[in-house]
Amino acid sequence: MAQVKGMMLQMKKYKHVPRARRKGWQMKHHQVKGSYLQGTVVGTFQNKTIRVAVDRLLVHQKYYAKKTLRTVLMVHDELNEAVRGDKVIMQQTRRYSKKKFWHLHSISEPYKPLRYLKENPDVADAIKKIEEGNYLP
């Protein structure tokens, strides 16, 4: 009974502490300093909005175990220029909507295969027809 009570007290102790700060975990690397973040585009489904995944590396102070935490953010892309797979730099700004308060600063490393298909829609249509089985040369 005493063990259960001790566990409950320990759980209450960590109730409001973020998971990354519990039990010796420490942030090891910061992506970009200030109000800029670097991440990878994982979705471009909405108009003028992209979803960007930001990965952070955490290292345990005692055991040196490493784990990666991923945060997915909504980013405003005014010109719809980013495609899935691009490495982008985003800047924190005013609130655009309920979940969106970052805007696209620049594309640091473009993802070439999808960018080629976006710039050449006839090739993309041919690939789509081949996948459906309706392509006749």
N, C-alpha and C. Protein backbone atom coordinates (compact mmCIF):
# COMPACT_ATOMS: atom_id res chain seq x y z
N MET A 1 0.82 -1.19 0.00
CA MET A 1 0.00 0.00 0.00
C MET A 1 0.87 1.26 0.00
N ALA A 2 1.98 1.19 0.73
CA ALA A 2 2.87 2.36 0.80
C ALA A 2 3.52 2.62 -0.56
N GLN A 3 3.81 1.53 -1.30
CA GLN A 3 4.41 1.71 -2.62
C GLN A 3 3.45 2.42 -3.57
N VAL A 4 2.20 2.04 -3.53
CA VAL A 4 1.20 2.66 -4.40
C VAL A 4 1.05 4.14 -4.05
N LYS A 5 1.03 4.44 -2.77
CA LYS A 5 0.91 5.84 -2.33
C LYS A 5 2.13 6.66 -2.79
N GLY A 6 3.32 6.07 -2.69
CA GLY A 6 4.53 6.75 -3.15
C GLY A 6 4.51 7.00 -4.65
N MET A 7 3.99 6.03 -5.42
CA MET A 7 3.90 6.21 -6.87
C MET A 7 2.92 7.31 -7.21
N MET A 8 1.81 7.38 -6.48
CA MET A 8 0.83 8.43 -6.73
C MET A 8 1.41 9.81 -6.44
N LEU A 9 2.19 9.92 -5.37
CA LEU A 9 2.82 11.20 -5.05
C LEU A 9 3.83 11.58 -6.14
N GLN A 10 4.57 10.59 -6.64
CA GLN A 10 5.54 10.85 -7.68
C GLN A 10 4.86 11.30 -8.97
N MET A 11 3.71 10.70 -9.30
CA MET A 11 2.97 11.10 -10.49
C MET A 11 2.43 12.52 -10.35
N LYS A 12 1.97 12.88 -9.15
CA LYS A 12 1.48 14.24 -8.93
C LYS A 12 2.62 15.24 -9.08
N LYS A 13 3.81 14.83 -8.66
CA LYS A 13 4.97 15.72 -8.75
C LYS A 13 5.27 16.11 -10.19
N TYR A 14 5.11 15.16 -11.13
CA TYR A 14 5.42 15.40 -12.53
C TYR A 14 4.20 15.75 -13.37
N LYS A 15 3.06 16.01 -12.73
CA LYS A 15 1.82 16.19 -13.48
C LYS A 15 1.90 17.35 -14.47
N HIS A 16 2.44 18.49 -14.05
CA HIS A 16 2.45 19.68 -14.89
C HIS A 16 3.79 19.96 -15.54
N VAL A 17 4.73 19.04 -15.45
CA VAL A 17 6.05 19.22 -16.05
C VAL A 17 6.01 18.61 -17.45
N PRO A 18 6.47 19.35 -18.48
CA PRO A 18 6.49 18.77 -19.82
C PRO A 18 7.33 17.50 -19.87
N ARG A 19 6.94 16.58 -20.74
CA ARG A 19 7.58 15.27 -20.81
C ARG A 19 9.07 15.37 -21.10
N ALA A 20 9.49 16.38 -21.86
CA ALA A 20 10.90 16.51 -22.22
C ALA A 20 11.76 16.88 -21.02
N ARG A 21 11.17 17.47 -19.98
CA ARG A 21 11.96 17.91 -18.82
C ARG A 21 11.94 16.92 -17.67
N ARG A 22 11.22 15.81 -17.78
CA ARG A 22 11.13 14.86 -16.69
C ARG A 22 12.36 13.98 -16.60
N LYS A 23 12.77 13.64 -15.42
CA LYS A 23 13.77 12.61 -15.13
C LYS A 23 15.06 12.75 -15.92
N GLY A 24 15.64 13.93 -15.95
CA GLY A 24 16.98 14.08 -16.48
C GLY A 24 17.12 14.31 -17.97
N TRP A 25 16.01 14.40 -18.72
CA TRP A 25 16.13 14.65 -20.15
C TRP A 25 16.48 16.10 -20.38
N GLN A 26 17.39 16.36 -21.30
CA GLN A 26 17.86 17.71 -21.55
C GLN A 26 17.96 17.95 -23.05
N MET A 27 17.54 19.15 -23.48
CA MET A 27 17.62 19.50 -24.90
C MET A 27 19.09 19.67 -25.25
N LYS A 28 19.52 19.01 -26.33
CA LYS A 28 20.93 19.02 -26.69
C LYS A 28 21.23 20.00 -27.83
N HIS A 29 20.41 20.03 -28.87
CA HIS A 29 20.69 20.86 -30.02
C HIS A 29 19.49 21.75 -30.32
N HIS A 30 19.75 23.02 -30.57
CA HIS A 30 18.70 23.92 -31.02
C HIS A 30 18.84 24.06 -32.53
N GLN A 31 17.70 24.16 -33.23
CA GLN A 31 17.73 24.22 -34.68
C GLN A 31 18.29 25.56 -35.18
N VAL A 32 17.56 26.63 -34.94
CA VAL A 32 17.97 27.96 -35.37
C VAL A 32 17.66 28.90 -34.21
N LYS A 33 18.52 29.87 -33.94
CA LYS A 33 18.34 30.73 -32.79
C LYS A 33 17.22 31.74 -33.02
N GLY A 34 16.62 32.20 -31.91
CA GLY A 34 15.61 33.26 -31.99
C GLY A 34 14.25 32.73 -32.37
N SER A 35 13.50 33.54 -33.09
CA SER A 35 12.15 33.17 -33.45
C SER A 35 12.09 32.49 -34.81
N TYR A 36 13.18 31.90 -35.25
CA TYR A 36 13.24 31.14 -36.49
C TYR A 36 13.37 29.66 -36.17
N LEU A 37 12.71 28.82 -36.95
CA LEU A 37 12.84 27.37 -36.81
C LEU A 37 13.06 26.76 -38.18
N GLN A 38 13.71 25.61 -38.18
CA GLN A 38 13.95 24.89 -39.43
C GLN A 38 13.24 23.55 -39.35
N GLY A 39 12.59 23.15 -40.44
CA GLY A 39 11.87 21.89 -40.44
C GLY A 39 11.65 21.36 -41.85
N THR A 40 10.91 20.26 -41.93
CA THR A 40 10.62 19.60 -43.19
C THR A 40 9.13 19.67 -43.47
N VAL A 41 8.77 20.01 -44.70
CA VAL A 41 7.35 20.09 -45.07
C VAL A 41 6.79 18.68 -45.15
N VAL A 42 5.69 18.43 -44.42
CA VAL A 42 5.06 17.11 -44.44
C VAL A 42 3.68 17.14 -45.08
N GLY A 43 3.13 18.33 -45.34
CA GLY A 43 1.82 18.39 -45.96
C GLY A 43 1.56 19.74 -46.61
N THR A 44 0.92 19.71 -47.79
CA THR A 44 0.56 20.95 -48.50
C THR A 44 -0.88 20.85 -48.97
N PHE A 45 -1.77 20.41 -48.11
CA PHE A 45 -3.13 20.11 -48.53
C PHE A 45 -4.02 21.35 -48.60
N GLN A 46 -3.77 22.35 -47.75
CA GLN A 46 -4.61 23.54 -47.74
C GLN A 46 -4.01 24.62 -48.61
N ASN A 47 -4.85 25.60 -48.99
CA ASN A 47 -4.38 26.73 -49.78
C ASN A 47 -3.65 27.71 -48.86
N LYS A 48 -2.44 28.13 -49.26
CA LYS A 48 -1.60 29.07 -48.52
C LYS A 48 -1.19 28.57 -47.14
N THR A 49 -1.23 27.27 -46.93
CA THR A 49 -0.84 26.70 -45.64
C THR A 49 -0.04 25.43 -45.87
N ILE A 50 1.05 25.27 -45.13
CA ILE A 50 1.82 24.03 -45.17
C ILE A 50 1.97 23.52 -43.75
N ARG A 51 2.20 22.23 -43.62
CA ARG A 51 2.48 21.63 -42.31
C ARG A 51 3.96 21.28 -42.29
N VAL A 52 4.65 21.75 -41.25
CA VAL A 52 6.10 21.57 -41.15
C VAL A 52 6.42 20.81 -39.87
N ALA A 53 7.22 19.76 -39.98
CA ALA A 53 7.66 18.98 -38.83
C ALA A 53 9.02 19.47 -38.37
N VAL A 54 9.11 19.83 -37.08
CA VAL A 54 10.36 20.29 -36.47
C VAL A 54 10.82 19.21 -35.51
N ASP A 55 12.02 18.67 -35.73
CA ASP A 55 12.56 17.61 -34.88
C ASP A 55 13.55 18.19 -33.88
N ARG A 56 13.46 17.70 -32.63
CA ARG A 56 14.39 18.12 -31.58
C ARG A 56 15.05 16.88 -30.99
N LEU A 57 16.33 16.96 -30.73
CA LEU A 57 17.07 15.84 -30.15
C LEU A 57 17.20 16.05 -28.65
N LEU A 58 16.80 15.06 -27.87
CA LEU A 58 16.95 15.10 -26.43
C LEU A 58 17.93 14.02 -26.01
N VAL A 59 18.83 14.36 -25.07
CA VAL A 59 19.82 13.41 -24.58
C VAL A 59 19.68 13.34 -23.06
N HIS A 60 19.63 12.11 -22.52
CA HIS A 60 19.52 11.94 -21.08
C HIS A 60 20.84 12.30 -20.43
N GLN A 61 20.77 13.02 -19.30
CA GLN A 61 22.00 13.50 -18.66
C GLN A 61 22.84 12.37 -18.10
N LYS A 62 22.20 11.35 -17.56
CA LYS A 62 22.95 10.28 -16.91
C LYS A 62 23.27 9.13 -17.87
N TYR A 63 22.30 8.69 -18.65
CA TYR A 63 22.48 7.49 -19.46
C TYR A 63 22.83 7.78 -20.92
N TYR A 64 22.79 9.04 -21.34
CA TYR A 64 23.11 9.46 -22.69
C TYR A 64 22.23 8.80 -23.75
N ALA A 65 21.05 8.39 -23.35
CA ALA A 65 20.10 7.85 -24.32
C ALA A 65 19.56 9.01 -25.16
N LYS A 66 19.37 8.78 -26.44
CA LYS A 66 18.91 9.84 -27.33
C LYS A 66 17.50 9.52 -27.81
N LYS A 67 16.68 10.55 -27.90
CA LYS A 67 15.36 10.39 -28.51
C LYS A 67 15.01 11.67 -29.24
N THR A 68 14.20 11.53 -30.28
CA THR A 68 13.82 12.66 -31.11
C THR A 68 12.35 12.97 -30.87
N LEU A 69 12.06 14.22 -30.57
CA LEU A 69 10.69 14.68 -30.43
C LEU A 69 10.32 15.46 -31.67
N ARG A 70 9.12 15.24 -32.19
CA ARG A 70 8.66 15.91 -33.41
C ARG A 70 7.45 16.77 -33.08
N THR A 71 7.51 18.02 -33.53
CA THR A 71 6.39 18.94 -33.41
C THR A 71 5.96 19.34 -34.81
N VAL A 72 4.67 19.25 -35.09
CA VAL A 72 4.15 19.62 -36.41
C VAL A 72 3.44 20.96 -36.27
N LEU A 73 3.87 21.94 -37.07
CA LEU A 73 3.34 23.29 -37.01
C LEU A 73 2.68 23.67 -38.32
N MET A 74 1.67 24.54 -38.23
CA MET A 74 1.02 25.08 -39.43
C MET A 74 1.75 26.37 -39.79
N VAL A 75 2.12 26.52 -41.06
CA VAL A 75 2.92 27.66 -41.52
C VAL A 75 2.22 28.31 -42.70
N HIS A 76 2.19 29.65 -42.71
CA HIS A 76 1.58 30.41 -43.80
C HIS A 76 2.55 30.49 -44.97
N ASP A 77 2.09 30.04 -46.16
CA ASP A 77 2.89 30.07 -47.39
C ASP A 77 2.09 30.87 -48.42
N GLU A 78 2.37 32.15 -48.53
CA GLU A 78 1.55 33.06 -49.33
C GLU A 78 1.51 32.67 -50.80
N LEU A 79 2.61 32.23 -51.37
CA LEU A 79 2.69 31.95 -52.81
C LEU A 79 2.52 30.47 -53.15
N ASN A 80 2.27 29.62 -52.17
CA ASN A 80 2.16 28.17 -52.38
C ASN A 80 3.39 27.62 -53.10
N GLU A 81 4.58 28.03 -52.66
CA GLU A 81 5.80 27.63 -53.35
C GLU A 81 6.46 26.39 -52.76
N ALA A 82 6.13 26.01 -51.55
CA ALA A 82 6.77 24.85 -50.92
C ALA A 82 6.05 23.57 -51.32
N VAL A 83 6.83 22.49 -51.49
CA VAL A 83 6.27 21.18 -51.78
C VAL A 83 6.71 20.22 -50.67
N ARG A 84 6.04 19.06 -50.61
CA ARG A 84 6.34 18.10 -49.57
C ARG A 84 7.77 17.59 -49.70
N GLY A 85 8.51 17.62 -48.59
CA GLY A 85 9.89 17.16 -48.59
C GLY A 85 10.91 18.29 -48.55
N ASP A 86 10.48 19.53 -48.80
CA ASP A 86 11.40 20.68 -48.75
C ASP A 86 11.86 20.94 -47.32
N LYS A 87 13.11 21.36 -47.17
CA LYS A 87 13.61 21.86 -45.89
C LYS A 87 13.38 23.37 -45.90
N VAL A 88 12.65 23.88 -44.92
CA VAL A 88 12.27 25.29 -44.91
C VAL A 88 12.68 25.95 -43.60
N ILE A 89 12.82 27.27 -43.67
CA ILE A 89 13.04 28.09 -42.48
C ILE A 89 11.80 28.95 -42.31
N MET A 90 11.23 28.93 -41.10
CA MET A 90 10.02 29.70 -40.85
C MET A 90 10.25 30.67 -39.70
N GLN A 91 9.48 31.74 -39.71
CA GLN A 91 9.64 32.81 -38.73
C GLN A 91 8.34 32.99 -37.98
N GLN A 92 8.46 33.19 -36.66
CA GLN A 92 7.27 33.41 -35.86
C GLN A 92 6.74 34.81 -36.14
N THR A 93 5.41 34.93 -36.25
CA THR A 93 4.81 36.20 -36.63
C THR A 93 3.45 36.32 -35.96
N ARG A 94 2.64 37.26 -36.44
CA ARG A 94 1.32 37.44 -35.86
C ARG A 94 0.45 36.23 -36.16
N ARG A 95 -0.64 36.11 -35.45
CA ARG A 95 -1.53 34.97 -35.60
C ARG A 95 -2.35 35.10 -36.88
N TYR A 96 -2.27 34.11 -37.77
CA TYR A 96 -3.06 34.09 -38.99
C TYR A 96 -4.41 33.41 -38.76
N SER A 97 -4.43 32.39 -37.92
CA SER A 97 -5.67 31.68 -37.61
C SER A 97 -5.48 31.04 -36.23
N LYS A 98 -6.39 30.11 -35.88
CA LYS A 98 -6.34 29.51 -34.56
C LYS A 98 -5.03 28.75 -34.31
N LYS A 99 -4.53 28.04 -35.30
CA LYS A 99 -3.33 27.21 -35.13
C LYS A 99 -2.12 27.71 -35.89
N LYS A 100 -2.25 28.80 -36.63
CA LYS A 100 -1.18 29.20 -37.54
C LYS A 100 -0.61 30.56 -37.13
N PHE A 101 0.62 30.57 -36.61
CA PHE A 101 1.30 31.83 -36.29
C PHE A 101 2.77 31.79 -36.68
N TRP A 102 3.08 31.09 -37.75
CA TRP A 102 4.41 31.08 -38.36
C TRP A 102 4.23 31.39 -39.84
N HIS A 103 5.22 32.02 -40.45
CA HIS A 103 5.17 32.19 -41.90
C HIS A 103 6.48 31.73 -42.52
N LEU A 104 6.41 31.33 -43.78
CA LEU A 104 7.56 30.78 -44.50
C LEU A 104 8.56 31.90 -44.78
N HIS A 105 9.78 31.73 -44.26
CA HIS A 105 10.83 32.72 -44.49
C HIS A 105 11.58 32.39 -45.78
N SER A 106 12.03 31.14 -45.91
CA SER A 106 12.75 30.73 -47.12
C SER A 106 12.79 29.21 -47.21
N ILE A 107 13.08 28.73 -48.40
CA ILE A 107 13.27 27.30 -48.63
C ILE A 107 14.77 27.06 -48.68
N SER A 108 15.29 26.36 -47.68
CA SER A 108 16.75 26.19 -47.59
C SER A 108 17.25 25.06 -48.48
N GLU A 109 16.46 23.99 -48.62
CA GLU A 109 16.90 22.85 -49.44
C GLU A 109 15.68 22.26 -50.14
N PRO A 110 15.49 22.54 -51.43
CA PRO A 110 14.31 22.03 -52.12
C PRO A 110 14.39 20.52 -52.35
N TYR A 111 13.21 19.88 -52.34
CA TYR A 111 13.11 18.45 -52.62
C TYR A 111 12.87 18.31 -54.12
N LYS A 112 13.86 17.85 -54.85
CA LYS A 112 13.86 17.94 -56.30
C LYS A 112 12.82 17.09 -57.03
N PRO A 113 12.56 15.83 -56.64
CA PRO A 113 11.59 15.05 -57.43
C PRO A 113 10.20 15.67 -57.48
N LEU A 114 9.65 16.09 -56.34
CA LEU A 114 8.31 16.67 -56.34
C LEU A 114 8.30 18.06 -56.97
N ARG A 115 9.39 18.80 -56.83
CA ARG A 115 9.45 20.13 -57.43
C ARG A 115 9.44 20.01 -58.97
N TYR A 116 10.09 19.00 -59.50
CA TYR A 116 10.10 18.78 -60.95
C TYR A 116 8.69 18.49 -61.45
N LEU A 117 7.96 17.66 -60.71
CA LEU A 117 6.60 17.33 -61.12
C LEU A 117 5.67 18.54 -61.01
N LYS A 118 5.93 19.43 -60.03
CA LYS A 118 5.10 20.62 -59.90
C LYS A 118 5.35 21.59 -61.05
N GLU A 119 6.60 21.69 -61.51
CA GLU A 119 6.94 22.60 -62.60
C GLU A 119 6.56 22.04 -63.97
N ASN A 120 6.42 20.72 -64.10
CA ASN A 120 6.07 20.08 -65.37
C ASN A 120 4.78 19.27 -65.20
N PRO A 121 3.62 19.90 -65.30
CA PRO A 121 2.37 19.17 -65.05
C PRO A 121 2.06 18.09 -66.08
N ASP A 122 2.59 18.19 -67.32
CA ASP A 122 2.33 17.15 -68.31
C ASP A 122 3.00 15.83 -67.92
N VAL A 123 4.18 15.90 -67.31
CA VAL A 123 4.85 14.68 -66.84
C VAL A 123 4.06 14.08 -65.68
N ALA A 124 3.55 14.93 -64.79
CA ALA A 124 2.75 14.45 -63.66
C ALA A 124 1.48 13.76 -64.14
N ASP A 125 0.84 14.32 -65.19
CA ASP A 125 -0.37 13.70 -65.73
C ASP A 125 -0.06 12.35 -66.36
N ALA A 126 1.09 12.25 -67.06
CA ALA A 126 1.47 10.98 -67.67
C ALA A 126 1.72 9.91 -66.60
N ILE A 127 2.38 10.28 -65.51
CA ILE A 127 2.64 9.32 -64.42
C ILE A 127 1.34 8.87 -63.79
N LYS A 128 0.41 9.80 -63.62
CA LYS A 128 -0.89 9.46 -63.04
C LYS A 128 -1.65 8.49 -63.94
N LYS A 129 -1.60 8.71 -65.27
CA LYS A 129 -2.29 7.81 -66.20
C LYS A 129 -1.64 6.42 -66.21
N ILE A 130 -0.31 6.37 -66.09
CA ILE A 130 0.38 5.07 -66.05
C ILE A 130 -0.05 4.29 -64.81
N GLU A 131 -0.16 4.98 -63.67
CA GLU A 131 -0.57 4.31 -62.43
C GLU A 131 -2.00 3.79 -62.53
N GLU A 132 -2.87 4.54 -63.22
CA GLU A 132 -4.25 4.11 -63.36
C GLU A 132 -4.42 3.04 -64.45
N GLY A 133 -3.45 2.92 -65.34
CA GLY A 133 -3.52 1.94 -66.41
C GLY A 133 -4.21 2.46 -67.67
N ASN A 134 -4.36 3.79 -67.81
CA ASN A 134 -5.05 4.38 -68.96
C ASN A 134 -4.08 5.02 -69.95
N TYR A 135 -2.80 4.71 -69.85
CA TYR A 135 -1.81 5.39 -70.69
C TYR A 135 -1.59 4.59 -71.97
N LEU A 136 -1.80 5.27 -73.11
CA LEU A 136 -1.49 4.66 -74.41
C LEU A 136 -0.45 5.52 -75.11
N PRO A 137 0.74 4.99 -75.40
CA PRO A 137 1.79 5.81 -76.02
C PRO A 137 1.48 6.18 -77.46
